[in-house]
Amino acid sequence: MSNQTDFHVKENAETIIKEAAKLLCTPLQDELHIQTKSDADDLVTDKDKEVEDLFRTRIAEMYPEHKMIGEEGTGSEVNANKGTVWIIDPIDGTTNFVHQHYNFVISVGIYEDGEARVGVVYDVMNDEWFSAVRGAGFFHNDKQKKMAASGPYEESIIGLNARWLISKRFPRRAEVCRHIVRDIRATRSYGAAALEMAYTACGRLDGYLTMRVSPWDYAAGKLLVEEAGGKISDIFGQSLTFEGETSLLCAASDLHGTLSTAFSQSERE
C-alpha cells in the first residue's frame, strides 16, 4: 500500500472502531455473558465476539481482498505474512472491561506482506486515540509525538505485571524482573498490553515488558512504538515473528538495550 492508501485505510479502520466502541459502552450497566478460555483468568465476553464479528463484516464490505485475524478465532488459518491482513483484538483488557469498566482498548494492526502499515489503539472510556502509519509517525489523538531519549535507568517507570516476579514457569526471568523492580523508580500494570505499548510510545511509561503475548496483543502497538522512535522485540532483543505466543519488550533504545541484555545474560548463566 502507498502512504496515501495507508491513511485512507486508517480512516476506515477508525470508523469501524467508533462503531465498535458503541457496542462496548452500552452494556456496561447490563449483564455480560462471560466465559473462560485457557484458564479461569482468561476471560471472554459476548461483546468480544460481537466486536470481532463487526470487524469481519465491515472489512469484507470495504476490502473484500483483505484478510483478518482476530483473538476470538477469526482467521486462525490466515498467514499474517501474506497479503493485507487486519490483526484485531476486539477488547484488549477484557478483565478490566468486566471488573472495572475501564482501561480496555480496541486494537487494530494492518499488515501488508508481514510489514506493519497502520496501527490504531483506542481507549474507549477515555476517548483517546493512539495511531501510526508506516513512515508518517506516531500520533496521540491528533498530535504527532516522538519518544524521548532514555533517562537514567534508576528513574525509569516500566509497565510490568507483578505475576512475572513470582513465575514458576520462568524462574530466571522472574529473578531478572525482581532486580528490575528493585533498581528502577516504579512499575505500573494496566492489564492491557496494547494500552501499555501506547503509553510507552507517548511517554507515560518508559518501557513495557511481559513474558507472554499473542500477535493481536501487539500488532498495533508494535508500529506505534516504532514510529515514535522506540524499539520493540522479545525480551532477548530478537524480532517478533507473529508465530504464536512470545515475550515482549519495548522502550527507548538505551533502556531497551539495558533490559534485553539483562534477560540475555540470565539465560546464559
Foldseek 3Di string as FASTA:
>chain_A
DDLVVLVVVQVLVVVLQVVLLVLLVVCLVPDWAWDADPDPVRIDTPSQVVSVVSVVVSCCVPPVPEAEAEPVGGPPVDDLQAAKYKYWRSWFQVVCSVPPVFLIWTWIFIDGNRHTAKIWIAGSVVRWIWIDGVPPFIDTRNHGAAQDADDDLQAFEEEDDPVLLVDPVCPLSNVLVVVSCVRHDYYDYSRAQLVRLSCQLRPVGQKYWDAKDACSRCNRSCRSLVRNQKDKDALLRHHDDRPHIGIMMIHHDVNSVVRNVSSVVSVVD
